[in-house]
Protein backbone atom coordinates (compact mmCIF):
# COMPACT_ATOMS: atom_id res chain seq x y z
CA UNK A 1 0.52 11.91 112.69
CA UNK A 2 3.07 13.85 110.26
CA UNK A 3 3.78 9.99 109.24
CA UNK A 4 -0.04 9.44 108.76
CA UNK A 5 -0.09 12.66 106.49
CA UNK A 6 3.08 11.68 104.52
CA UNK A 7 1.84 8.22 103.85
CA UNK A 8 -1.45 10.00 102.40
CA UNK A 9 0.49 12.09 100.46
CA UNK A 10 2.90 9.59 98.41
CA UNK A 11 -0.72 7.20 98.33
CA UNK A 12 -2.34 10.28 96.15
CA UNK A 13 1.24 10.34 94.29
CA UNK A 14 1.60 7.12 92.95
CA UNK A 15 -2.28 7.14 92.28
CA UNK A 16 -1.66 10.65 89.94
CA UNK A 17 1.36 8.36 88.43
CA UNK A 18 -0.80 5.50 87.39
CA UNK A 19 -3.88 7.61 85.70
CA UNK A 20 -1.23 9.19 84.15
CA UNK A 21 -0.04 5.92 82.43
CA UNK A 22 -3.01 4.43 82.09
CA UNK A 23 -4.12 7.53 79.84
CA UNK A 24 -1.46 7.28 77.90
CA UNK A 25 -1.61 3.62 77.78
CA UNK A 26 -5.51 3.96 75.78
CA UNK A 27 -4.41 6.89 74.13
CA UNK A 28 -1.26 4.94 72.95
CA UNK A 29 -3.87 2.11 71.58
CA UNK A 30 -6.31 4.50 70.44
CA UNK A 31 -4.08 5.59 68.05
CA UNK A 32 -2.63 2.22 67.00
CA UNK A 33 -6.01 1.44 66.92
CA UNK A 34 -6.96 4.45 64.61
CA UNK A 35 -3.90 3.75 62.28
CA UNK A 36 -4.53 0.51 61.36
CA UNK A 37 -8.36 1.13 60.75
CA UNK A 38 -7.10 4.16 58.56
CA UNK A 39 -4.35 1.41 56.77
CA UNK A 40 -7.07 -1.00 56.19
CA UNK A 41 -9.54 1.41 54.64
CA UNK A 42 -6.77 2.79 51.89
CA UNK A 43 -6.09 -0.76 50.95
CA UNK A 44 -9.34 -1.42 50.93
CA UNK A 45 -9.37 1.73 48.51
CA UNK A 46 -6.15 0.92 46.88
CA UNK A 47 -7.47 -2.40 45.99
CA UNK A 48 -10.69 -0.86 44.76
CA UNK A 49 -9.01 1.34 42.46
CA UNK A 50 -6.20 -1.36 41.21
CA UNK A 51 -9.50 -3.61 40.74
CA UNK A 52 -11.36 -0.86 38.96
CA UNK A 53 -8.45 0.18 36.64
CA UNK A 54 -8.11 -3.64 35.59
CA UNK A 55 -11.77 -3.85 35.01
CA UNK A 56 -11.78 -0.18 32.32
CA UNK A 57 -9.02 -1.40 30.49
CA UNK A 58 -10.91 -4.79 30.01
CA UNK A 59 -14.13 -2.78 29.12
CA UNK A 60 -11.99 -1.05 26.00
CA UNK A 61 -10.58 -4.11 25.04
CA UNK A 62 -14.23 -5.68 24.85
CA UNK A 63 -15.03 -2.66 22.72
CA UNK A 64 -13.07 -2.65 20.56
CA UNK A 65 -13.32 -6.73 20.58
CA UNK A 66 -17.58 -6.18 19.79
CA UNK A 67 -16.44 -4.08 16.99
CA UNK A 68 -14.46 -5.63 15.56
CA UNK A 69 -16.70 -8.62 14.62
CA UNK A 70 -19.14 -6.15 13.45
CA UNK A 71 -17.04 -5.06 11.08
CA UNK A 72 -15.71 -8.27 9.77
CA UNK A 73 -19.36 -8.74 9.40
CA UNK A 74 -19.65 -5.82 7.61
CA UNK A 75 -17.40 -6.34 5.24
CA UNK A 76 -18.51 -9.61 4.18
CA UNK A 77 -22.09 -9.26 3.91
CA UNK A 78 -21.62 -6.08 1.79
CA UNK A 79 -22.19 -6.66 -2.17
CA UNK A 80 -20.19 -5.65 -5.37
CA UNK A 81 -19.31 -2.34 -5.92
CA UNK A 82 -18.28 -0.85 -9.48
CA UNK A 83 -14.82 0.57 -8.86
CA UNK A 84 -12.64 0.68 -5.79
CA UNK A 85 -13.59 4.29 -4.87
CA UNK A 86 -17.67 3.27 -4.67
CA UNK A 87 -16.71 0.40 -2.66
CA UNK A 88 -14.52 2.74 -0.20
CA UNK A 89 -17.23 5.08 -0.52
CA UNK A 90 -19.93 3.22 0.42
CA UNK A 91 -17.88 1.48 3.60
CA UNK A 92 -16.94 4.50 5.11
CA UNK A 93 -20.65 5.60 4.83
CA UNK A 94 -21.87 2.41 6.77
CA UNK A 95 -19.24 3.07 9.35
CA UNK A 96 -20.44 6.12 10.13
CA UNK A 97 -23.11 4.97 11.03
CA UNK A 98 -21.98 2.53 13.37
CA UNK A 99 -23.09 2.92 17.06
CA UNK A 100 -20.14 3.89 18.99
CA UNK A 101 -21.69 3.02 22.38
CA UNK A 102 -21.35 -0.55 23.62
CA UNK A 103 -22.60 -0.60 27.27
CA UNK A 104 -23.42 -4.55 27.64
CA UNK A 105 -21.38 -4.96 30.86
CA UNK A 106 -22.20 -7.51 33.69
CA UNK A 107 -21.88 -4.86 36.89
CA UNK A 108 -18.97 -6.77 38.86
CA UNK A 109 -17.55 -4.01 40.69
CA UNK A 110 -18.60 -1.49 44.28
CA UNK A 111 -19.03 1.49 42.01
CA UNK A 112 -22.81 2.28 40.77
CA UNK A 113 -21.22 4.27 37.77
CA UNK A 114 -22.55 2.98 34.64
CA UNK A 115 -19.82 0.26 32.48
CA UNK A 116 -19.49 1.53 29.12
CA UNK A 117 -16.98 2.02 25.96
CA UNK A 118 -16.60 4.86 23.00
CA UNK A 119 -15.56 3.46 20.06
CA UNK A 120 -14.28 5.08 16.92
CA UNK A 121 -13.21 4.63 13.55
CA UNK A 122 -11.15 6.53 11.91
CA UNK A 123 -9.39 5.79 8.29
CA UNK A 124 -5.99 6.36 8.50
CA UNK A 125 -3.75 5.47 5.40
CA UNK A 126 -4.41 4.85 1.73
CA UNK A 127 -2.47 3.00 -0.65
CA UNK A 128 -3.35 1.91 -3.89
CA UNK A 129 -6.15 -0.94 -2.95
CA UNK A 130 -5.51 -0.36 0.67
CA UNK A 131 -7.26 1.60 3.54
CA UNK A 132 -5.83 1.38 6.82
CA UNK A 133 -8.16 2.24 9.33
CA UNK A 134 -7.80 3.11 13.36
CA UNK A 135 -10.15 1.43 15.87
CA UNK A 136 -10.50 3.51 18.77
CA UNK A 137 -12.01 2.38 22.23
CA UNK A 138 -12.42 4.41 25.62
CA UNK A 139 -13.31 2.62 28.93
CA UNK A 140 -15.06 4.29 30.82
CA UNK A 141 -16.06 3.30 34.99
CA UNK A 142 -16.92 6.21 37.07
CA UNK A 143 -13.90 9.09 36.82
CA UNK A 144 -11.66 6.15 35.22
CA UNK A 145 -10.92 6.12 31.49
CA UNK A 146 -8.39 3.65 29.68
CA UNK A 147 -8.61 4.11 25.58
CA UNK A 148 -6.79 1.31 23.64
CA UNK A 149 -6.59 1.37 20.01
CA UNK A 150 -6.31 -1.76 16.84
CA UNK A 151 -5.45 -0.96 13.52
CA UNK A 152 -6.63 -2.83 10.22
CA UNK A 153 -6.25 -2.99 6.62
CA UNK A 154 -8.74 -3.28 4.22
CA UNK A 155 -7.94 -4.21 0.68
CA UNK A 156 -9.90 -3.87 -2.93
CA UNK A 157 -10.43 -7.14 -5.11
CA UNK A 158 -10.92 -6.53 -8.39
CA UNK A 159 -12.85 -9.63 -9.91
CA UNK A 160 -12.67 -7.46 -13.29
CA UNK A 161 -9.05 -7.56 -13.62
CA UNK A 162 -7.38 -10.49 -12.59
CA UNK A 163 -4.58 -11.47 -15.03
CA UNK A 164 -2.93 -14.60 -15.30
CA UNK A 165 0.63 -14.36 -15.45
CA UNK A 166 3.06 -17.51 -16.68
CA UNK A 167 6.24 -17.82 -14.08
CA UNK A 168 8.70 -16.87 -16.02
CA UNK A 169 11.31 -13.61 -16.40
CA UNK A 170 10.19 -13.83 -20.31
CA UNK A 171 7.60 -15.87 -22.22
CA UNK A 172 6.81 -15.42 -25.97
CA UNK A 173 4.84 -15.95 -28.58
CA UNK A 174 7.53 -16.08 -31.28
CA UNK A 175 11.60 -16.56 -31.33
CA UNK A 176 14.40 -15.13 -28.40
CA UNK A 177 18.01 -13.83 -29.36
CA UNK A 178 20.34 -13.08 -27.13
CA UNK A 179 23.91 -11.97 -27.99
CA UNK A 180 26.68 -10.06 -26.79
CA UNK A 181 27.10 -9.74 -23.00
CA UNK A 182 22.95 -9.90 -22.28
CA UNK A 183 21.72 -11.85 -19.19
CA UNK A 184 18.23 -12.84 -18.16
CA UNK A 185 17.99 -14.18 -14.44
CA UNK A 186 15.05 -16.44 -14.03
CA UNK A 187 12.91 -18.90 -16.51
CA UNK A 188 12.21 -18.25 -20.23
CA UNK A 189 9.79 -19.70 -22.90
CA UNK A 190 7.87 -19.49 -26.07
CA UNK A 191 4.97 -21.02 -27.62
CA UNK A 192 6.93 -21.57 -31.10
CA UNK A 193 7.88 -25.02 -31.99
CA UNK A 194 10.77 -26.39 -33.89
CA UNK A 195 13.94 -25.76 -34.32
CA UNK A 196 16.07 -22.51 -33.32
CA UNK A 197 13.94 -20.98 -31.87
CA UNK A 198 15.94 -19.35 -28.86
CA UNK A 199 19.32 -18.07 -30.69
CA UNK A 200 22.30 -17.37 -28.34
CA UNK A 201 25.83 -16.24 -28.82
CA UNK A 202 28.98 -14.49 -27.63
CA UNK A 203 29.37 -14.28 -23.81
CA UNK A 204 25.31 -14.04 -22.87
CA UNK A 205 24.29 -15.79 -20.18
CA UNK A 206 21.09 -17.41 -18.49
CA UNK A 207 20.28 -18.02 -14.34
CA UNK A 208 18.08 -19.63 -11.91
CA UNK A 209 15.75 -20.46 -14.26
CA UNK A 210 15.03 -23.08 -17.19
CA UNK A 211 14.44 -22.90 -20.98
CA UNK A 212 10.35 -24.17 -21.39
CA UNK A 213 9.31 -25.38 -25.31
CA UNK A 214 6.61 -27.33 -26.77
CA UNK A 215 6.86 -30.62 -25.85
CA UNK A 216 8.96 -32.40 -29.38
CA UNK A 217 11.18 -28.63 -29.59
CA UNK A 218 13.38 -29.15 -26.64
CA UNK A 219 16.00 -31.13 -28.51
CA UNK A 220 17.01 -28.59 -31.35
CA UNK A 221 15.17 -25.71 -29.58
CA UNK A 222 18.36 -23.98 -28.57
CA UNK A 223 20.88 -23.05 -30.98
CA UNK A 224 24.12 -21.90 -29.36
CA UNK A 225 28.03 -22.90 -30.36
CA UNK A 226 29.40 -25.84 -29.40
CA UNK A 227 31.80 -24.37 -26.85
CA UNK A 228 28.87 -23.10 -24.91
CA UNK A 229 28.51 -24.55 -21.22
CA UNK A 230 25.27 -25.50 -19.97
CA UNK A 231 26.13 -23.56 -16.67
CA UNK A 232 26.28 -20.38 -19.24
CA UNK A 233 23.35 -21.81 -21.21
CA UNK A 234 21.16 -24.61 -20.19
CA UNK A 235 19.41 -26.59 -22.80
CA UNK A 236 15.14 -26.56 -23.28
CA UNK A 237 12.96 -28.76 -21.48
CA UNK A 238 9.60 -29.19 -22.62
CA UNK A 239 6.94 -27.56 -20.97
CA UNK A 240 3.35 -28.85 -20.98
CA UNK A 241 1.27 -26.00 -19.07
CA UNK A 242 2.13 -23.00 -21.79
CA UNK A 243 -1.28 -23.23 -24.10
CA UNK A 244 -2.38 -19.73 -22.12
CA UNK A 245 -0.68 -16.57 -23.52
CA UNK A 246 -1.92 -13.07 -21.42
CA UNK A 247 -4.22 -10.96 -23.15
CA UNK A 248 -4.16 -7.05 -22.65
CA UNK A 249 -7.20 -6.01 -20.35
CA UNK A 250 -10.13 -3.95 -21.11
CA UNK A 251 -8.74 -0.82 -22.38
CA UNK A 252 -11.19 2.42 -20.98
CA UNK A 253 -13.53 4.47 -23.54
CA UNK A 254 -12.95 8.17 -23.10
CA UNK A 255 -12.70 11.49 -24.56
CA UNK A 256 -12.83 15.46 -24.66
CA UNK A 257 -15.52 17.49 -25.12
CA UNK A 258 -13.21 20.75 -26.93
CA UNK A 259 -16.26 22.82 -26.61
CA UNK A 260 -16.57 22.68 -23.34
CA UNK A 261 -12.89 22.60 -21.93
CA UNK A 262 -9.77 25.06 -22.21
CA UNK A 263 -6.23 25.15 -22.59
CA UNK A 264 -3.75 25.32 -19.43
CA UNK A 265 -0.37 26.07 -19.50
CA UNK A 266 1.81 26.29 -16.30
CA UNK A 267 4.68 27.53 -15.77
CA UNK A 268 5.71 27.78 -11.34
CA UNK A 269 9.56 27.29 -11.10
CA UNK A 270 9.68 27.57 -7.48
CA UNK A 271 9.52 24.13 -5.68
CA UNK A 272 8.21 25.74 -2.72
CA UNK A 273 5.12 27.44 -4.69
CA UNK A 274 4.27 24.72 -7.37
CA UNK A 275 1.40 25.73 -9.44
CA UNK A 276 -1.47 24.09 -8.00
CA UNK A 277 -4.46 21.80 -9.71
CA UNK A 278 -7.05 21.08 -7.48
CA UNK A 279 -9.33 18.12 -7.75
CA UNK A 280 -10.67 17.82 -4.76
CA UNK A 281 -13.84 18.37 -5.22
CA UNK A 282 -14.10 17.19 -8.47
CA UNK A 283 -14.55 12.92 -9.90
CA UNK A 284 -13.42 14.36 -13.10
CA UNK A 285 -11.48 17.42 -15.15
CA UNK A 286 -10.82 17.32 -18.93
CA UNK A 287 -7.96 19.81 -20.41
CA UNK A 288 -7.94 20.18 -24.37
CA UNK A 289 -4.46 21.11 -24.48
CA UNK A 290 -2.35 20.78 -21.13
CA UNK A 291 1.66 22.20 -20.79
CA UNK A 292 4.00 21.77 -18.16
CA UNK A 293 6.66 23.87 -17.33
CA UNK A 294 8.10 24.24 -13.79
CA UNK A 295 6.44 22.47 -10.74
CA UNK A 296 2.87 21.16 -10.59
CA UNK A 297 0.84 19.57 -7.72
CA UNK A 298 -2.26 17.92 -8.06
CA UNK A 299 -4.58 17.36 -5.10
CA UNK A 300 -6.85 14.53 -5.38
CA UNK A 301 -8.05 14.96 -1.94
CA UNK A 302 -9.30 11.13 -0.81
CA UNK A 303 -10.58 9.51 -3.98
CA UNK A 304 -8.70 8.59 -7.13
CA UNK A 305 -9.35 11.17 -10.22
CA UNK A 306 -9.34 11.29 -13.43
CA UNK A 307 -8.12 13.98 -15.41
CA UNK A 308 -8.55 13.70 -19.50
CA UNK A 309 -6.55 15.29 -21.51
CA UNK A 310 -6.26 15.77 -25.27
CA UNK A 311 -2.97 16.70 -26.16
CA UNK A 312 -0.30 16.57 -22.89
CA UNK A 313 2.93 17.84 -23.00
CA UNK A 314 5.83 18.17 -20.33
CA UNK A 315 8.54 20.59 -21.26
CA UNK A 316 10.78 20.63 -18.29
CA UNK A 317 8.03 19.75 -15.74
CA UNK A 318 8.43 18.42 -12.34
CA UNK A 319 4.66 16.70 -11.93
CA UNK A 320 3.82 15.70 -8.00
CA UNK A 321 0.57 14.18 -7.16
CA UNK A 322 -0.82 14.14 -3.59
CA UNK A 323 -4.05 12.55 -2.37
CA UNK A 324 -5.64 9.12 -3.07
CA UNK A 325 -4.27 9.40 -6.76
CA UNK A 326 -4.95 10.22 -10.07
CA UNK A 327 -5.69 8.08 -13.96
CA UNK A 328 -4.09 10.82 -16.60
CA UNK A 329 -6.33 9.86 -19.92
CA UNK A 330 -4.54 11.21 -22.53
CA UNK A 331 -6.49 11.32 -25.95
CA UNK A 332 -4.32 12.53 -28.88
CA UNK A 333 -0.44 13.06 -28.27
CA UNK A 334 1.77 12.63 -25.12
CA UNK A 335 5.48 13.93 -24.54
CA UNK A 336 7.20 14.30 -21.96
CA UNK A 337 11.24 15.84 -22.34
CA UNK A 338 14.61 17.38 -20.33
CA UNK A 339 14.74 15.96 -16.79
CA UNK A 340 10.72 15.45 -16.26
CA UNK A 341 9.22 13.54 -13.87
CA UNK A 342 6.02 12.61 -12.79
CA UNK A 343 5.31 10.63 -9.74
CA UNK A 344 2.88 10.26 -6.30
CA UNK A 345 3.24 10.85 -2.78
CA UNK A 346 1.49 8.86 -0.36
CA UNK A 347 0.02 10.44 3.12
CA UNK A 348 3.42 9.23 5.05
CA UNK A 349 5.52 12.19 1.92
CA UNK A 350 7.12 8.70 0.21
CA UNK A 351 6.90 7.52 -3.75
CA UNK A 352 3.91 5.87 -4.43
CA UNK A 353 3.59 3.64 -8.03
CA UNK A 354 0.42 2.88 -7.56
CA UNK A 355 -1.42 6.18 -6.98
CA UNK A 356 -0.68 7.04 -10.95
CA UNK A 357 -1.61 5.48 -13.86
CA UNK A 358 -1.19 6.42 -17.54
CA UNK A 359 -3.31 5.79 -20.75
CA UNK A 360 -2.55 6.84 -24.31
CA UNK A 361 -4.66 6.33 -26.85
CA UNK A 362 -2.65 8.04 -29.45
CA UNK A 363 -0.97 6.81 -32.23
CA UNK A 364 2.58 9.08 -32.02
CA UNK A 365 5.21 6.56 -30.65
CA UNK A 366 6.44 7.80 -26.53
CA UNK A 367 9.96 8.49 -26.32
CA UNK A 368 11.02 8.55 -22.51
CA UNK A 369 14.83 9.50 -22.78
CA UNK A 370 17.47 11.38 -20.76
CA UNK A 371 16.61 12.28 -17.37
CA UNK A 372 13.37 11.91 -17.46
CA UNK A 373 11.47 9.83 -14.88
CA UNK A 374 7.93 8.17 -14.45
CA UNK A 375 6.84 6.67 -11.35
CA UNK A 376 3.57 4.95 -12.05
CA UNK A 377 1.98 2.81 -14.65
CA UNK A 378 1.02 3.18 -18.08
CA UNK A 379 -0.81 1.68 -20.38
CA UNK A 380 -0.75 2.66 -24.43
CA UNK A 381 -3.33 1.35 -26.09
CA UNK A 382 -1.58 1.15 -29.81
CA UNK A 383 1.62 2.93 -29.77
CA UNK A 384 5.25 2.05 -29.75
CA UNK A 385 7.22 2.96 -27.06
CA UNK A 386 11.18 3.43 -26.43
CA UNK A 387 12.92 4.51 -23.04
CA UNK A 388 16.59 5.62 -23.97
CA UNK A 389 19.75 7.36 -21.94
CA UNK A 390 19.39 7.69 -18.90
CA UNK A 391 15.66 7.66 -18.21
CA UNK A 392 13.93 5.62 -15.40
CA UNK A 393 10.57 4.12 -15.03
CA UNK A 394 8.78 2.38 -12.12
CA UNK A 395 5.68 0.67 -12.74
CA UNK A 396 3.83 -1.66 -15.12
CA UNK A 397 3.66 -1.11 -18.74
CA UNK A 398 0.95 -2.37 -20.87
CA UNK A 399 0.87 -1.92 -24.85
CA UNK A 400 -1.24 -2.69 -28.06
CA UNK A 401 1.87 -1.38 -30.07
CA UNK A 402 4.18 -3.66 -32.29
CA UNK A 403 7.82 -2.26 -30.71
CA UNK A 404 8.66 -1.52 -27.21
CA UNK A 405 13.02 -0.85 -27.22
CA UNK A 406 15.18 -0.06 -24.07
CA UNK A 407 18.41 1.10 -24.82
CA UNK A 408 21.51 2.81 -23.15
CA UNK A 409 21.35 3.17 -19.35
CA UNK A 410 18.05 2.98 -19.02
CA UNK A 411 16.73 1.40 -15.40
CA UNK A 412 13.08 0.18 -15.50
CA UNK A 413 11.65 -1.75 -12.27
CA UNK A 414 8.29 -3.30 -12.81
CA UNK A 415 6.26 -5.90 -12.05
CA UNK A 416 4.97 -6.67 -15.54
CA UNK A 417 6.15 -4.95 -19.00
CA UNK A 418 2.35 -6.75 -21.04
CA UNK A 419 3.11 -6.10 -24.64
CA UNK A 420 1.70 -9.25 -26.53
CA UNK A 421 1.82 -7.52 -29.97
CA UNK A 422 5.22 -6.41 -29.51
CA UNK A 423 8.75 -7.29 -30.83
CA UNK A 424 11.13 -6.40 -27.60
CA UNK A 425 14.52 -4.84 -28.24
CA UNK A 426 16.66 -4.30 -25.33
CA UNK A 427 20.49 -3.08 -26.29
CA UNK A 428 23.55 -1.63 -24.24
CA UNK A 429 23.27 -1.04 -21.24
CA UNK A 430 19.46 -1.32 -20.28
CA UNK A 431 18.36 -2.50 -17.62
CA UNK A 432 14.66 -4.20 -16.30
CA UNK A 433 13.79 -5.89 -13.09
CA UNK A 434 10.44 -7.54 -14.14
CA UNK A 435 8.70 -9.31 -16.64
CA UNK A 436 8.76 -9.74 -19.95
CA UNK A 437 5.54 -10.97 -22.31
CA UNK A 438 5.77 -10.12 -25.99
CA UNK A 439 5.53 -11.59 -29.42
CA UNK A 440 9.64 -12.00 -29.73
CA UNK A 441 12.43 -10.97 -27.82
CA UNK A 442 15.77 -9.53 -28.52
CA UNK A 443 18.67 -8.75 -26.33
CA UNK A 444 22.66 -7.93 -27.04
CA UNK A 445 24.97 -5.59 -25.18
CA UNK A 446 25.10 -5.62 -21.44
CA UNK A 447 21.46 -5.74 -21.55
CA UNK A 448 20.10 -7.16 -18.55
CA UNK A 449 16.51 -8.61 -17.59
CA UNK A 450 16.13 -10.40 -14.34
CA UNK A 451 12.72 -11.27 -13.17
CA UNK A 452 11.61 -9.20 -9.86
CA UNK A 453 10.77 -11.28 -7.04
CA UNK A 454 10.34 -8.57 -4.88
CA UNK A 455 5.87 -7.79 -5.45
CA UNK A 456 3.45 -9.89 -4.65
CA UNK A 457 1.42 -12.41 -6.49
CA UNK A 458 0.14 -10.87 -9.34
CA UNK A 459 -3.65 -10.38 -9.31
CA UNK A 460 -4.66 -6.51 -9.44
CA UNK A 461 -2.49 -4.82 -11.39
CA UNK A 462 -2.28 -1.36 -12.62
CA UNK A 463 -3.26 -0.33 -15.05
CA UNK A 464 -6.31 -1.85 -15.42
CA UNK A 465 -10.11 -0.11 -16.31
CA UNK A 466 -12.14 -2.11 -13.59
CA UNK A 467 -14.35 -4.82 -15.57
CA UNK A 468 -17.19 -6.66 -13.37
CA UNK A 469 -16.41 -4.90 -10.00
CA UNK A 470 -15.54 -6.55 -6.57
CA UNK A 471 -15.40 -6.47 -2.83
CA UNK A 472 -13.24 -5.99 0.03
CA UNK A 473 -11.58 -8.15 2.56
CA UNK A 474 -10.11 -7.51 5.98
CA UNK A 475 -5.79 -8.25 4.84
CA UNK A 476 -4.46 -7.49 8.61
CA UNK A 477 -5.50 -6.62 12.30
CA UNK A 478 -2.29 -4.97 14.62
CA UNK A 479 -2.47 -6.22 18.09
CA UNK A 480 -3.65 -3.75 20.82
CA UNK A 481 -1.87 -0.49 21.39
CA UNK A 482 -2.89 1.57 24.93
CA UNK A 483 -2.82 5.18 24.01
CA UNK A 484 -2.83 7.79 27.03
CA UNK A 485 -5.47 9.71 27.89
CA UNK A 486 -5.46 13.53 26.92
CA UNK A 487 -5.91 14.94 30.10
């Protein structure tokens, strides 16, 4: 009896253990199953998120691609404008009217949210004839976004100011004379026929070029000492493509209305607190007599402006032009003294010689001496010019005058000195990096002329007055860049 009871108790105990075991197994299987389901769901979610993230990148990229094609079409179809400023003003106005939303996408994701990109065009930088723009596209899919940018440049091409420049360091109509230690690096040429059109003496030297003369004059054109070797100064070469002689471009017509203008004298000697001449809201400012001492800052804003002056005197003045650029049109007299300087400062804080063009209609000669510096281009309608001492000039010089002299320690960096009527004289330690076109040329002492190969091919040269207008073209398109989304 007791044995049966004990066996029954053991059977019940074993049955309990088995039940617990079965429950534990079922629980473990359930937990494992739920874990697998959870992992699978998370994997699906992660896969969807990654796919959507990649999709939103392509949406942003497509927005830029489509809008860039639209921009190219706009630029190709734009009519010619009379000036650079008018062209870019019209272009910016057209850009502002472009629909900035692009949503022509096929729904290929599980998201039901709309697919679209928002594209904006912003002007980034102004450098002479070139404007830099930033194209920004933000792709959108639900709550996911990615942003891409692409920079492109548009350059104004003025069809009225193209000047063909012979490929010479020096090109004249008449004689070339070099004495002492004078040197030229680059080719030289003269249109004058006959003997002794190129006279050389002393230690004069020419390197990396040829001497071009009219056919038939090559044997007697160069007059040099018998002892002078050809590697110091070569003999002449006949050239048949020298009939063209560049002329000065059109000179702008302007005058000061004395009855409606006032005089202005500035004396701001604190570099950190210059006198400010604000031209942002005007196209042109006329001043009868402008006298500058100390620091003067001229702000032209987003467009090139005109400052028309009857008499312009810089005593000990430092003129900085900021903005898009400035044309200084001087009617009667122009005087610069002391250690004065004129320069343009672009939006990157760097000196930009393309920002300043100075036009001078007066007859009195211009003398730039001492430590005076001009960073810009200069067009003298009739006046002669002398650059001497430690003066410096960076830019183009156009002159209708009869004399151009550079002496002493003057240092000029230019693309072109165009003086078709002038006898050019380089003396002492004067140094020019650029090309000279003149009536005649004389160089002596340690003067040096070197053709400037750092400039791009000539076409649009400052200073020039627009002739028949022009259009623009896209000159560069940079790679796509992804930027962070601001939270």
